Amino acid sequence: MNVSRKIILGSQSPQRKVLLQTLVALDRIAICPPLHSDEAGFEGMTDRTTIEKQLVKIAATKCQDVFNQQAENDWGAILTADTVVVANDSGTSRVLGKPDGADWETTVREWFTSYYSSAEHDVVTAVQFQFPDGTQQSILVSTQVRFHEVNPELLEWYIQTEEPLGKAGGYGIQSAGSLFVESFNGSLSNVIGLPLERIWEILDERKFLA
C-alpha cells in the first residue's frame, strides 16, 4: 500500500492543487514546480497528432525536471500536466495558449469571436506520472466544449475581469468563463486542469487511494 507516501505535484497552478485534493489528502501533496519555465511551443503545428505528441513531450519534460530535484526517494509519485485549447482554424488545428503581453485583450477578442462563438473546440491535457521504481506513464485526455454565440457586451465585461490572463485558451470554465459555455462532452475537470477520472484510475491501480 502507498497510501502514506506523498504525491509530488509539479505545478504552481492553484486549480490543479485543488483538483488533486479531491482524490488525495492535502498533507499527502507536495508542490514542486519545474525549475525551468521555458517550454517547447506549438508554432507552425496545424496537425492534431503532431500537437498531441508535443503536448505529451512537454508534460514529460516537466516531470523529468521535477524528478531531478528529488534528493531522496521518499515520495510515491510525481505528477505533471500541460493543458491547451485546440480550435478549428479553417479545417486545420490551431493551439490557443495563454493570452499575455500588452495586447492580451485583443488576443482574447479574436479567439472568442473567430474560434469560440457558436462553435466547438477541444481542451486537451497531457499528464505524466513518474514512480520511484522508474516506471513512467502518460495519459492524454480531450474534452469537447461548445460555446454559445458570443455576446459582445458580455465579452467586454469578461475581459475587464482579467480572468482570461494565465488561462489556457483565455477562459476559466470553473468561474465566469462558464457563462459562454453551451455544452461540453467529456471530463469537466480536464477543462479546469486535470482529468480526475483517469488520474483516479492510475492512483487506485497503484494503491495510492485508501
N, C-alpha and C. Protein backbone atom coordinates (compact mmCIF):
# COMPACT_ATOMS: atom_id res chain seq x y z
N MET A 1 0.84 -1.20 0.00
CA MET A 1 0.00 0.00 0.00
C MET A 1 0.87 1.25 0.00
N ASN A 2 0.43 2.27 -0.77
CA ASN A 2 1.18 3.52 -0.87
C ASN A 2 0.41 4.71 -0.30
N VAL A 3 -0.59 4.43 0.54
CA VAL A 3 -1.49 5.50 0.99
C VAL A 3 -0.79 6.51 1.89
N SER A 4 0.39 6.22 2.41
CA SER A 4 1.09 7.17 3.28
C SER A 4 2.16 7.95 2.54
N ARG A 5 2.43 7.59 1.30
CA ARG A 5 3.51 8.24 0.56
C ARG A 5 2.99 9.47 -0.17
N LYS A 6 3.84 10.49 -0.26
CA LYS A 6 3.44 11.75 -0.86
C LYS A 6 3.39 11.66 -2.39
N ILE A 7 2.49 12.43 -2.94
CA ILE A 7 2.43 12.64 -4.38
C ILE A 7 2.95 14.04 -4.66
N ILE A 8 3.96 14.13 -5.49
CA ILE A 8 4.55 15.42 -5.82
C ILE A 8 3.84 15.98 -7.04
N LEU A 9 3.21 17.14 -6.87
CA LEU A 9 2.54 17.81 -7.96
C LEU A 9 3.49 18.84 -8.54
N GLY A 10 3.91 18.60 -9.76
CA GLY A 10 4.86 19.50 -10.41
C GLY A 10 4.16 20.63 -11.11
N SER A 11 3.52 21.50 -10.34
CA SER A 11 2.74 22.59 -10.92
C SER A 11 2.53 23.68 -9.88
N GLN A 12 2.49 24.93 -10.35
CA GLN A 12 2.15 26.05 -9.48
C GLN A 12 0.68 26.43 -9.60
N SER A 13 -0.06 25.68 -10.40
CA SER A 13 -1.46 26.00 -10.64
C SER A 13 -2.31 25.73 -9.40
N PRO A 14 -2.98 26.75 -8.86
CA PRO A 14 -3.87 26.50 -7.72
C PRO A 14 -5.04 25.61 -8.08
N GLN A 15 -5.50 25.69 -9.35
CA GLN A 15 -6.61 24.83 -9.76
C GLN A 15 -6.22 23.37 -9.72
N ARG A 16 -5.01 23.05 -10.17
CA ARG A 16 -4.58 21.66 -10.17
C ARG A 16 -4.42 21.13 -8.75
N LYS A 17 -3.94 21.97 -7.86
CA LYS A 17 -3.80 21.56 -6.46
C LYS A 17 -5.17 21.24 -5.86
N VAL A 18 -6.13 22.12 -6.08
CA VAL A 18 -7.48 21.90 -5.55
C VAL A 18 -8.09 20.64 -6.15
N LEU A 19 -7.90 20.45 -7.44
CA LEU A 19 -8.45 19.25 -8.08
C LEU A 19 -7.84 17.99 -7.50
N LEU A 20 -6.52 17.96 -7.33
CA LEU A 20 -5.87 16.77 -6.80
C LEU A 20 -6.31 16.48 -5.37
N GLN A 21 -6.66 17.53 -4.63
CA GLN A 21 -7.13 17.35 -3.25
C GLN A 21 -8.45 16.60 -3.18
N THR A 22 -9.20 16.54 -4.27
CA THR A 22 -10.43 15.77 -4.25
C THR A 22 -10.15 14.27 -4.22
N LEU A 23 -8.93 13.88 -4.60
CA LEU A 23 -8.54 12.47 -4.60
C LEU A 23 -7.58 12.13 -3.47
N VAL A 24 -6.72 13.08 -3.11
CA VAL A 24 -5.65 12.82 -2.15
C VAL A 24 -5.67 13.90 -1.07
N ALA A 25 -5.49 13.51 0.19
CA ALA A 25 -5.48 14.47 1.29
C ALA A 25 -4.37 15.50 1.10
N LEU A 26 -4.64 16.72 1.55
CA LEU A 26 -3.70 17.81 1.36
C LEU A 26 -2.33 17.51 1.94
N ASP A 27 -2.28 16.83 3.09
CA ASP A 27 -0.98 16.56 3.72
C ASP A 27 -0.17 15.51 2.98
N ARG A 28 -0.75 14.93 1.94
CA ARG A 28 -0.02 13.96 1.13
C ARG A 28 0.40 14.56 -0.22
N ILE A 29 0.14 15.85 -0.41
CA ILE A 29 0.51 16.52 -1.66
C ILE A 29 1.68 17.45 -1.39
N ALA A 30 2.75 17.28 -2.15
CA ALA A 30 3.89 18.18 -2.08
C ALA A 30 3.99 18.93 -3.40
N ILE A 31 4.12 20.24 -3.33
CA ILE A 31 4.22 21.06 -4.54
C ILE A 31 5.69 21.29 -4.87
N CYS A 32 6.06 20.93 -6.08
CA CYS A 32 7.44 21.12 -6.54
C CYS A 32 7.40 21.43 -8.03
N PRO A 33 7.24 22.69 -8.39
CA PRO A 33 7.15 23.05 -9.82
C PRO A 33 8.49 22.87 -10.52
N PRO A 34 8.47 22.72 -11.83
CA PRO A 34 9.72 22.63 -12.59
C PRO A 34 10.58 23.88 -12.39
N LEU A 35 11.88 23.70 -12.38
CA LEU A 35 12.80 24.83 -12.23
C LEU A 35 12.88 25.65 -13.50
N HIS A 36 12.74 24.97 -14.64
CA HIS A 36 12.89 25.64 -15.93
C HIS A 36 11.51 25.97 -16.50
N SER A 37 11.26 27.25 -16.70
CA SER A 37 9.95 27.69 -17.18
C SER A 37 9.83 27.68 -18.70
N ASP A 38 10.95 27.63 -19.39
CA ASP A 38 10.91 27.61 -20.85
C ASP A 38 10.35 26.28 -21.34
N GLU A 39 9.35 26.35 -22.21
CA GLU A 39 8.73 25.15 -22.75
C GLU A 39 8.75 25.18 -24.27
N ALA A 40 8.76 24.00 -24.85
CA ALA A 40 8.60 23.90 -26.30
C ALA A 40 7.22 24.43 -26.67
N GLY A 41 7.11 25.07 -27.81
CA GLY A 41 5.85 25.64 -28.24
C GLY A 41 5.18 24.83 -29.33
N PHE A 42 4.14 25.43 -29.91
CA PHE A 42 3.37 24.75 -30.94
C PHE A 42 3.37 25.55 -32.24
N GLU A 43 4.35 26.43 -32.38
CA GLU A 43 4.41 27.28 -33.56
C GLU A 43 4.47 26.45 -34.84
N GLY A 44 3.61 26.79 -35.79
CA GLY A 44 3.60 26.09 -37.07
C GLY A 44 2.91 24.75 -37.08
N MET A 45 2.43 24.29 -35.93
CA MET A 45 1.78 22.98 -35.87
C MET A 45 0.29 23.12 -36.16
N THR A 46 -0.17 22.44 -37.20
CA THR A 46 -1.58 22.50 -37.58
C THR A 46 -2.22 21.12 -37.67
N ASP A 47 -1.45 20.10 -37.31
CA ASP A 47 -1.93 18.72 -37.35
C ASP A 47 -2.19 18.26 -35.92
N ARG A 48 -3.37 17.69 -35.67
CA ARG A 48 -3.77 17.32 -34.31
C ARG A 48 -2.81 16.29 -33.70
N THR A 49 -2.39 15.32 -34.47
CA THR A 49 -1.48 14.30 -33.95
C THR A 49 -0.15 14.91 -33.52
N THR A 50 0.38 15.80 -34.33
CA THR A 50 1.64 16.48 -34.01
C THR A 50 1.50 17.31 -32.74
N ILE A 51 0.37 18.00 -32.62
CA ILE A 51 0.11 18.83 -31.44
C ILE A 51 0.06 17.96 -30.19
N GLU A 52 -0.63 16.84 -30.27
CA GLU A 52 -0.75 15.96 -29.10
C GLU A 52 0.59 15.37 -28.70
N LYS A 53 1.40 15.00 -29.67
CA LYS A 53 2.74 14.48 -29.35
C LYS A 53 3.58 15.53 -28.64
N GLN A 54 3.48 16.77 -29.11
CA GLN A 54 4.23 17.86 -28.47
C GLN A 54 3.73 18.09 -27.05
N LEU A 55 2.43 18.00 -26.84
CA LEU A 55 1.86 18.20 -25.51
C LEU A 55 2.36 17.14 -24.54
N VAL A 56 2.38 15.89 -24.98
CA VAL A 56 2.89 14.81 -24.15
C VAL A 56 4.37 15.04 -23.83
N LYS A 57 5.11 15.50 -24.80
CA LYS A 57 6.54 15.77 -24.60
C LYS A 57 6.75 16.86 -23.56
N ILE A 58 5.92 17.89 -23.60
CA ILE A 58 6.04 18.99 -22.64
C ILE A 58 5.79 18.48 -21.22
N ALA A 59 4.72 17.69 -21.04
CA ALA A 59 4.41 17.14 -19.72
C ALA A 59 5.54 16.23 -19.23
N ALA A 60 6.12 15.44 -20.13
CA ALA A 60 7.21 14.54 -19.76
C ALA A 60 8.47 15.31 -19.37
N THR A 61 8.74 16.40 -20.09
CA THR A 61 9.90 17.24 -19.77
C THR A 61 9.76 17.87 -18.39
N LYS A 62 8.55 18.34 -18.09
CA LYS A 62 8.28 18.88 -16.76
C LYS A 62 8.52 17.82 -15.69
N CYS A 63 8.05 16.61 -15.94
CA CYS A 63 8.18 15.53 -14.97
C CYS A 63 9.65 15.20 -14.71
N GLN A 64 10.45 15.17 -15.76
CA GLN A 64 11.87 14.89 -15.60
C GLN A 64 12.54 15.99 -14.79
N ASP A 65 12.16 17.23 -15.01
CA ASP A 65 12.68 18.37 -14.27
C ASP A 65 12.40 18.20 -12.78
N VAL A 66 11.15 17.87 -12.44
CA VAL A 66 10.77 17.69 -11.04
C VAL A 66 11.49 16.49 -10.44
N PHE A 67 11.58 15.41 -11.18
CA PHE A 67 12.29 14.22 -10.70
C PHE A 67 13.74 14.54 -10.37
N ASN A 68 14.39 15.34 -11.20
CA ASN A 68 15.79 15.69 -10.98
C ASN A 68 15.99 16.51 -9.71
N GLN A 69 14.93 17.10 -9.20
CA GLN A 69 15.04 17.91 -7.97
C GLN A 69 14.94 17.07 -6.70
N GLN A 70 14.56 15.81 -6.83
CA GLN A 70 14.32 14.99 -5.65
C GLN A 70 15.63 14.36 -5.16
N ALA A 71 16.05 14.76 -3.95
CA ALA A 71 17.30 14.24 -3.39
C ALA A 71 17.09 12.89 -2.71
N GLU A 72 15.87 12.62 -2.28
CA GLU A 72 15.57 11.38 -1.58
C GLU A 72 14.42 10.65 -2.27
N ASN A 73 14.40 9.35 -2.06
CA ASN A 73 13.38 8.52 -2.69
C ASN A 73 12.25 8.23 -1.70
N ASP A 74 11.72 9.32 -1.10
CA ASP A 74 10.70 9.15 -0.07
C ASP A 74 9.31 9.55 -0.56
N TRP A 75 9.14 9.62 -1.87
CA TRP A 75 7.87 10.01 -2.45
C TRP A 75 7.24 8.81 -3.16
N GLY A 76 5.95 8.93 -3.43
CA GLY A 76 5.25 7.82 -4.05
C GLY A 76 5.00 7.98 -5.54
N ALA A 77 4.86 9.24 -5.97
CA ALA A 77 4.62 9.50 -7.38
C ALA A 77 4.86 10.97 -7.68
N ILE A 78 5.28 11.25 -8.90
CA ILE A 78 5.36 12.62 -9.40
C ILE A 78 4.31 12.75 -10.50
N LEU A 79 3.59 13.87 -10.48
CA LEU A 79 2.54 14.11 -11.47
C LEU A 79 2.75 15.50 -12.05
N THR A 80 2.85 15.58 -13.37
CA THR A 80 2.91 16.86 -14.07
C THR A 80 1.88 16.86 -15.20
N ALA A 81 1.52 18.05 -15.65
CA ALA A 81 0.49 18.13 -16.69
C ALA A 81 0.66 19.40 -17.51
N ASP A 82 0.08 19.37 -18.69
CA ASP A 82 0.02 20.56 -19.54
C ASP A 82 -1.30 20.53 -20.30
N THR A 83 -1.96 21.69 -20.37
CA THR A 83 -3.27 21.78 -21.00
C THR A 83 -3.27 22.84 -22.09
N VAL A 84 -3.87 22.52 -23.22
CA VAL A 84 -4.03 23.50 -24.30
C VAL A 84 -5.44 23.43 -24.86
N VAL A 85 -5.83 24.51 -25.51
CA VAL A 85 -7.08 24.53 -26.26
C VAL A 85 -6.73 24.38 -27.74
N VAL A 86 -7.41 23.46 -28.41
CA VAL A 86 -7.19 23.25 -29.83
C VAL A 86 -8.47 23.64 -30.57
N ALA A 87 -8.37 24.69 -31.39
CA ALA A 87 -9.52 25.20 -32.12
C ALA A 87 -9.44 24.82 -33.60
N ASN A 88 -10.58 24.87 -34.25
CA ASN A 88 -10.65 24.60 -35.69
C ASN A 88 -10.39 25.90 -36.44
N ASP A 89 -9.33 25.90 -37.23
CA ASP A 89 -8.96 27.10 -38.00
C ASP A 89 -9.02 26.77 -39.48
N SER A 90 -10.22 26.93 -40.05
CA SER A 90 -10.44 26.65 -41.48
C SER A 90 -10.00 25.25 -41.87
N GLY A 91 -10.37 24.28 -41.03
CA GLY A 91 -10.08 22.88 -41.34
C GLY A 91 -8.77 22.36 -40.78
N THR A 92 -7.96 23.21 -40.20
CA THR A 92 -6.73 22.78 -39.56
C THR A 92 -6.83 23.05 -38.06
N SER A 93 -5.91 22.48 -37.30
CA SER A 93 -5.91 22.66 -35.85
C SER A 93 -5.00 23.82 -35.46
N ARG A 94 -5.48 24.61 -34.52
CA ARG A 94 -4.68 25.73 -34.01
C ARG A 94 -4.69 25.71 -32.49
N VAL A 95 -3.51 25.77 -31.90
CA VAL A 95 -3.39 25.80 -30.44
C VAL A 95 -3.54 27.24 -29.96
N LEU A 96 -4.45 27.42 -29.00
CA LEU A 96 -4.64 28.71 -28.35
C LEU A 96 -4.05 28.58 -26.94
N GLY A 97 -2.98 29.31 -26.69
CA GLY A 97 -2.28 29.17 -25.41
C GLY A 97 -2.85 30.07 -24.33
N LYS A 98 -1.96 30.73 -23.60
CA LYS A 98 -2.38 31.64 -22.54
C LYS A 98 -2.16 33.08 -23.01
N PRO A 99 -3.21 33.88 -23.06
CA PRO A 99 -3.03 35.26 -23.51
C PRO A 99 -2.22 36.07 -22.51
N ASP A 100 -1.25 36.79 -23.00
CA ASP A 100 -0.44 37.63 -22.13
C ASP A 100 0.12 38.79 -22.95
N GLY A 101 0.98 39.58 -22.37
CA GLY A 101 1.54 40.71 -23.08
C GLY A 101 0.61 41.92 -23.04
N ALA A 102 1.09 43.00 -23.57
CA ALA A 102 0.36 44.26 -23.52
C ALA A 102 -0.94 44.22 -24.32
N ASP A 103 -1.00 43.34 -25.33
CA ASP A 103 -2.16 43.31 -26.22
C ASP A 103 -3.03 42.07 -25.99
N TRP A 104 -3.04 41.57 -24.76
CA TRP A 104 -3.75 40.32 -24.50
C TRP A 104 -5.26 40.46 -24.71
N GLU A 105 -5.82 41.66 -24.46
CA GLU A 105 -7.26 41.85 -24.66
C GLU A 105 -7.65 41.61 -26.11
N THR A 106 -6.84 42.10 -27.04
CA THR A 106 -7.11 41.90 -28.47
C THR A 106 -7.06 40.43 -28.83
N THR A 107 -6.11 39.72 -28.24
CA THR A 107 -6.00 38.28 -28.48
C THR A 107 -7.25 37.56 -28.03
N VAL A 108 -7.73 37.88 -26.84
CA VAL A 108 -8.94 37.23 -26.31
C VAL A 108 -10.14 37.53 -27.19
N ARG A 109 -10.29 38.77 -27.62
CA ARG A 109 -11.41 39.11 -28.51
C ARG A 109 -11.36 38.29 -29.79
N GLU A 110 -10.17 38.16 -30.35
CA GLU A 110 -10.03 37.39 -31.59
C GLU A 110 -10.42 35.93 -31.37
N TRP A 111 -9.92 35.34 -30.30
CA TRP A 111 -10.22 33.94 -30.05
C TRP A 111 -11.71 33.70 -29.85
N PHE A 112 -12.34 34.55 -29.05
CA PHE A 112 -13.75 34.36 -28.73
C PHE A 112 -14.64 34.56 -29.95
N THR A 113 -14.30 35.54 -30.79
CA THR A 113 -15.15 35.82 -31.95
C THR A 113 -14.83 34.94 -33.15
N SER A 114 -13.57 34.58 -33.32
CA SER A 114 -13.18 33.81 -34.51
C SER A 114 -13.25 32.30 -34.31
N TYR A 115 -13.01 31.82 -33.08
CA TYR A 115 -12.88 30.38 -32.86
C TYR A 115 -13.92 29.78 -31.91
N TYR A 116 -14.46 30.59 -31.01
CA TYR A 116 -15.36 30.05 -29.98
C TYR A 116 -16.84 30.26 -30.26
N SER A 117 -17.21 31.41 -30.79
CA SER A 117 -18.61 31.77 -30.92
C SER A 117 -19.39 30.76 -31.76
N SER A 118 -20.42 30.18 -31.15
CA SER A 118 -21.29 29.18 -31.81
C SER A 118 -20.47 28.05 -32.43
N ALA A 119 -19.40 27.67 -31.77
CA ALA A 119 -18.52 26.63 -32.33
C ALA A 119 -17.97 25.74 -31.21
N GLU A 120 -17.37 24.65 -31.65
CA GLU A 120 -16.77 23.70 -30.71
C GLU A 120 -15.24 23.79 -30.77
N HIS A 121 -14.62 23.54 -29.63
CA HIS A 121 -13.17 23.42 -29.57
C HIS A 121 -12.84 22.31 -28.57
N ASP A 122 -11.61 21.87 -28.58
CA ASP A 122 -11.19 20.80 -27.70
C ASP A 122 -10.20 21.31 -26.67
N VAL A 123 -10.37 20.88 -25.44
CA VAL A 123 -9.40 21.14 -24.38
C VAL A 123 -8.66 19.84 -24.14
N VAL A 124 -7.34 19.86 -24.35
CA VAL A 124 -6.55 18.63 -24.30
C VAL A 124 -5.49 18.76 -23.20
N THR A 125 -5.42 17.75 -22.35
CA THR A 125 -4.45 17.72 -21.27
C THR A 125 -3.60 16.46 -21.37
N ALA A 126 -2.30 16.65 -21.27
CA ALA A 126 -1.37 15.53 -21.14
C ALA A 126 -0.90 15.46 -19.70
N VAL A 127 -0.94 14.28 -19.11
CA VAL A 127 -0.48 14.06 -17.74
C VAL A 127 0.63 13.03 -17.76
N GLN A 128 1.70 13.32 -17.04
CA GLN A 128 2.84 12.41 -16.96
C GLN A 128 3.04 11.99 -15.51
N PHE A 129 3.19 10.68 -15.30
CA PHE A 129 3.50 10.13 -13.98
C PHE A 129 4.91 9.55 -13.97
N GLN A 130 5.58 9.71 -12.85
CA GLN A 130 6.86 9.06 -12.60
C GLN A 130 6.76 8.38 -11.24
N PHE A 131 7.16 7.11 -11.18
CA PHE A 131 7.11 6.36 -9.93
C PHE A 131 8.53 6.01 -9.48
N PRO A 132 8.72 5.78 -8.18
CA PRO A 132 10.07 5.53 -7.66
C PRO A 132 10.78 4.33 -8.28
N ASP A 133 10.01 3.36 -8.77
CA ASP A 133 10.63 2.18 -9.37
C ASP A 133 11.11 2.42 -10.79
N GLY A 134 10.98 3.67 -11.25
CA GLY A 134 11.42 4.02 -12.59
C GLY A 134 10.33 3.97 -13.64
N THR A 135 9.17 3.46 -13.27
CA THR A 135 8.05 3.37 -14.20
C THR A 135 7.50 4.76 -14.52
N GLN A 136 7.19 4.97 -15.79
CA GLN A 136 6.57 6.20 -16.23
C GLN A 136 5.25 5.88 -16.93
N GLN A 137 4.32 6.79 -16.85
CA GLN A 137 3.04 6.58 -17.51
C GLN A 137 2.50 7.91 -18.00
N SER A 138 2.01 7.93 -19.24
CA SER A 138 1.45 9.13 -19.83
C SER A 138 -0.01 8.90 -20.18
N ILE A 139 -0.83 9.92 -20.00
CA ILE A 139 -2.21 9.87 -20.45
C ILE A 139 -2.53 11.16 -21.19
N LEU A 140 -3.46 11.07 -22.12
CA LEU A 140 -3.88 12.22 -22.91
C LEU A 140 -5.41 12.22 -22.94
N VAL A 141 -6.00 13.30 -22.48
CA VAL A 141 -7.46 13.38 -22.37
C VAL A 141 -7.96 14.63 -23.09
N SER A 142 -9.02 14.47 -23.88
CA SER A 142 -9.60 15.58 -24.63
C SER A 142 -11.07 15.75 -24.27
N THR A 143 -11.47 16.99 -24.05
CA THR A 143 -12.87 17.32 -23.77
C THR A 143 -13.35 18.32 -24.82
N GLN A 144 -14.50 18.04 -25.40
CA GLN A 144 -15.06 18.94 -26.41
C GLN A 144 -15.98 19.95 -25.73
N VAL A 145 -15.74 21.24 -26.02
CA VAL A 145 -16.53 22.32 -25.42
C VAL A 145 -17.19 23.13 -26.54
N ARG A 146 -18.46 23.44 -26.35
CA ARG A 146 -19.18 24.27 -27.32
C ARG A 146 -19.63 25.55 -26.63
N PHE A 147 -19.39 26.69 -27.28
CA PHE A 147 -19.81 27.99 -26.77
C PHE A 147 -21.11 28.44 -27.42
N HIS A 148 -21.86 29.24 -26.67
CA HIS A 148 -22.97 29.98 -27.26
C HIS A 148 -22.41 30.99 -28.26
N GLU A 149 -23.30 31.61 -29.01
CA GLU A 149 -22.87 32.77 -29.79
C GLU A 149 -22.40 33.83 -28.80
N VAL A 150 -21.20 34.33 -29.01
CA VAL A 150 -20.60 35.24 -28.04
C VAL A 150 -21.27 36.62 -28.10
N ASN A 151 -21.79 37.04 -26.95
CA ASN A 151 -22.38 38.37 -26.81
C ASN A 151 -21.24 39.38 -26.64
N PRO A 152 -21.13 40.36 -27.54
CA PRO A 152 -20.01 41.32 -27.46
C PRO A 152 -19.93 42.06 -26.13
N GLU A 153 -21.09 42.43 -25.56
CA GLU A 153 -21.08 43.14 -24.28
C GLU A 153 -20.59 42.23 -23.16
N LEU A 154 -21.02 40.97 -23.18
CA LEU A 154 -20.57 40.01 -22.18
C LEU A 154 -19.07 39.78 -22.32
N LEU A 155 -18.59 39.70 -23.55
CA LEU A 155 -17.17 39.50 -23.77
C LEU A 155 -16.35 40.67 -23.22
N GLU A 156 -16.81 41.90 -23.45
CA GLU A 156 -16.08 43.06 -22.94
C GLU A 156 -16.07 43.06 -21.41
N TRP A 157 -17.19 42.67 -20.82
CA TRP A 157 -17.23 42.57 -19.35
C TRP A 157 -16.25 41.50 -18.87
N TYR A 158 -16.22 40.38 -19.58
CA TYR A 158 -15.34 39.28 -19.17
C TYR A 158 -13.88 39.70 -19.26
N ILE A 159 -13.54 40.40 -20.30
CA ILE A 159 -12.15 40.86 -20.45
C ILE A 159 -11.77 41.79 -19.29
N GLN A 160 -12.72 42.62 -18.86
CA GLN A 160 -12.44 43.54 -17.77
C GLN A 160 -12.19 42.82 -16.45
N THR A 161 -12.70 41.61 -16.29
CA THR A 161 -12.45 40.85 -15.07
C THR A 161 -11.00 40.37 -15.00
N GLU A 162 -10.31 40.35 -16.15
CA GLU A 162 -8.93 39.86 -16.29
C GLU A 162 -8.80 38.36 -16.00
N GLU A 163 -9.93 37.67 -15.94
CA GLU A 163 -9.86 36.23 -15.74
C GLU A 163 -9.13 35.50 -16.87
N PRO A 164 -9.20 35.96 -18.11
CA PRO A 164 -8.52 35.23 -19.19
C PRO A 164 -7.01 35.13 -19.00
N LEU A 165 -6.40 36.04 -18.26
CA LEU A 165 -4.95 36.02 -18.08
C LEU A 165 -4.51 34.74 -17.39
N GLY A 166 -3.51 34.08 -17.98
CA GLY A 166 -2.97 32.87 -17.38
C GLY A 166 -3.81 31.63 -17.58
N LYS A 167 -4.89 31.74 -18.35
CA LYS A 167 -5.76 30.59 -18.59
C LYS A 167 -5.53 30.04 -19.99
N ALA A 168 -5.37 28.74 -20.11
CA ALA A 168 -5.26 28.12 -21.42
C ALA A 168 -6.50 28.43 -22.23
N GLY A 169 -6.31 29.00 -23.42
CA GLY A 169 -7.44 29.36 -24.26
C GLY A 169 -8.12 30.64 -23.85
N GLY A 170 -7.67 31.26 -22.76
CA GLY A 170 -8.21 32.55 -22.37
C GLY A 170 -9.52 32.53 -21.62
N TYR A 171 -9.88 31.39 -21.00
CA TYR A 171 -11.10 31.38 -20.19
C TYR A 171 -11.00 30.31 -19.10
N GLY A 172 -11.79 30.52 -18.04
CA GLY A 172 -11.86 29.54 -16.95
C GLY A 172 -13.27 29.02 -16.84
N ILE A 173 -13.46 27.75 -17.16
CA ILE A 173 -14.81 27.17 -17.15
C ILE A 173 -15.34 27.02 -15.73
N GLN A 174 -14.43 27.02 -14.74
CA GLN A 174 -14.84 26.84 -13.35
C GLN A 174 -15.36 28.13 -12.72
N SER A 175 -15.29 29.24 -13.46
CA SER A 175 -15.74 30.51 -12.89
C SER A 175 -16.51 31.29 -13.94
N ALA A 176 -16.19 32.57 -14.14
CA ALA A 176 -17.02 33.41 -15.02
C ALA A 176 -17.02 32.94 -16.47
N GLY A 177 -15.98 32.24 -16.89
CA GLY A 177 -15.94 31.73 -18.26
C GLY A 177 -17.07 30.77 -18.58
N SER A 178 -17.68 30.20 -17.54
CA SER A 178 -18.79 29.26 -17.77
C SER A 178 -19.99 29.94 -18.42
N LEU A 179 -20.07 31.27 -18.36
CA LEU A 179 -21.21 31.98 -18.94
C LEU A 179 -21.28 31.82 -20.45
N PHE A 180 -20.14 31.49 -21.07
CA PHE A 180 -20.10 31.34 -22.52
C PHE A 180 -20.38 29.91 -22.98
N VAL A 181 -20.36 28.96 -22.05
CA VAL A 181 -20.40 27.54 -22.41
C VAL A 181 -21.83 27.06 -22.62
N GLU A 182 -22.06 26.50 -23.79
CA GLU A 182 -23.37 25.90 -24.09
C GLU A 182 -23.41 24.45 -23.64
N SER A 183 -22.34 23.71 -23.89
CA SER A 183 -22.29 22.30 -23.52
C SER A 183 -20.85 21.82 -23.57
N PHE A 184 -20.63 20.64 -22.98
CA PHE A 184 -19.33 20.01 -23.10
C PHE A 184 -19.52 18.50 -23.14
N ASN A 185 -18.56 17.82 -23.75
CA ASN A 185 -18.62 16.37 -23.88
C ASN A 185 -17.30 15.80 -23.40
N GLY A 186 -17.32 15.13 -22.26
CA GLY A 186 -16.11 14.57 -21.69
C GLY A 186 -15.90 15.03 -20.26
N SER A 187 -14.65 15.06 -19.85
CA SER A 187 -14.29 15.38 -18.47
C SER A 187 -14.30 16.88 -18.22
N LEU A 188 -15.12 17.32 -17.27
CA LEU A 188 -15.13 18.73 -16.89
C LEU A 188 -13.85 19.11 -16.16
N SER A 189 -13.37 18.24 -15.27
CA SER A 189 -12.15 18.56 -14.52
C SER A 189 -10.96 18.69 -15.46
N ASN A 190 -11.01 18.01 -16.59
CA ASN A 190 -9.94 18.14 -17.57
C ASN A 190 -9.86 19.56 -18.11
N VAL A 191 -11.00 20.20 -18.31
CA VAL A 191 -11.02 21.57 -18.81
C VAL A 191 -10.44 22.52 -17.76
N ILE A 192 -10.65 22.19 -16.49
CA ILE A 192 -10.12 23.02 -15.41
C ILE A 192 -8.61 22.82 -15.26
N GLY A 193 -8.13 21.60 -15.55
CA GLY A 193 -6.68 21.40 -15.46
C GLY A 193 -6.17 20.01 -15.24
N LEU A 194 -7.02 19.09 -14.74
CA LEU A 194 -6.59 17.71 -14.53
C LEU A 194 -7.76 16.76 -14.81
N PRO A 195 -7.56 15.73 -15.62
CA PRO A 195 -8.63 14.74 -15.87
C PRO A 195 -8.71 13.76 -14.71
N LEU A 196 -9.51 14.11 -13.70
CA LEU A 196 -9.52 13.35 -12.45
C LEU A 196 -9.96 11.90 -12.62
N GLU A 197 -10.85 11.65 -13.57
CA GLU A 197 -11.34 10.28 -13.73
C GLU A 197 -10.19 9.33 -14.09
N ARG A 198 -9.35 9.73 -15.03
CA ARG A 198 -8.22 8.90 -15.43
C ARG A 198 -7.14 8.85 -14.36
N ILE A 199 -6.91 10.00 -13.70
CA ILE A 199 -5.91 10.02 -12.64
C ILE A 199 -6.33 9.11 -11.50
N TRP A 200 -7.60 9.11 -11.17
CA TRP A 200 -8.10 8.21 -10.11
C TRP A 200 -7.79 6.76 -10.47
N GLU A 201 -8.03 6.38 -11.72
CA GLU A 201 -7.78 5.00 -12.14
C GLU A 201 -6.33 4.61 -11.91
N ILE A 202 -5.41 5.50 -12.27
CA ILE A 202 -3.98 5.18 -12.14
C ILE A 202 -3.57 5.12 -10.67
N LEU A 203 -4.01 6.09 -9.87
CA LEU A 203 -3.65 6.09 -8.46
C LEU A 203 -4.28 4.92 -7.72
N ASP A 204 -5.50 4.56 -8.10
CA ASP A 204 -6.15 3.41 -7.47
C ASP A 204 -5.42 2.12 -7.82
N GLU A 205 -5.01 1.98 -9.08
CA GLU A 205 -4.28 0.79 -9.51
C GLU A 205 -2.95 0.67 -8.76
N ARG A 206 -2.34 1.79 -8.47
CA ARG A 206 -1.05 1.82 -7.76
C ARG A 206 -1.21 1.80 -6.23
N LYS A 207 -2.45 1.67 -5.76
CA LYS A 207 -2.75 1.59 -4.34
C LYS A 207 -2.39 2.87 -3.58
N PHE A 208 -2.63 4.03 -4.22
CA PHE A 208 -2.40 5.29 -3.55
C PHE A 208 -3.65 5.80 -2.84
N LEU A 209 -4.78 5.18 -3.11
CA LEU A 209 -6.04 5.64 -2.53
C LEU A 209 -6.50 4.64 -1.48
N ALA A 210 -6.91 5.16 -0.34
CA ALA A 210 -7.33 4.28 0.76
C ALA A 210 -8.62 3.55 0.41
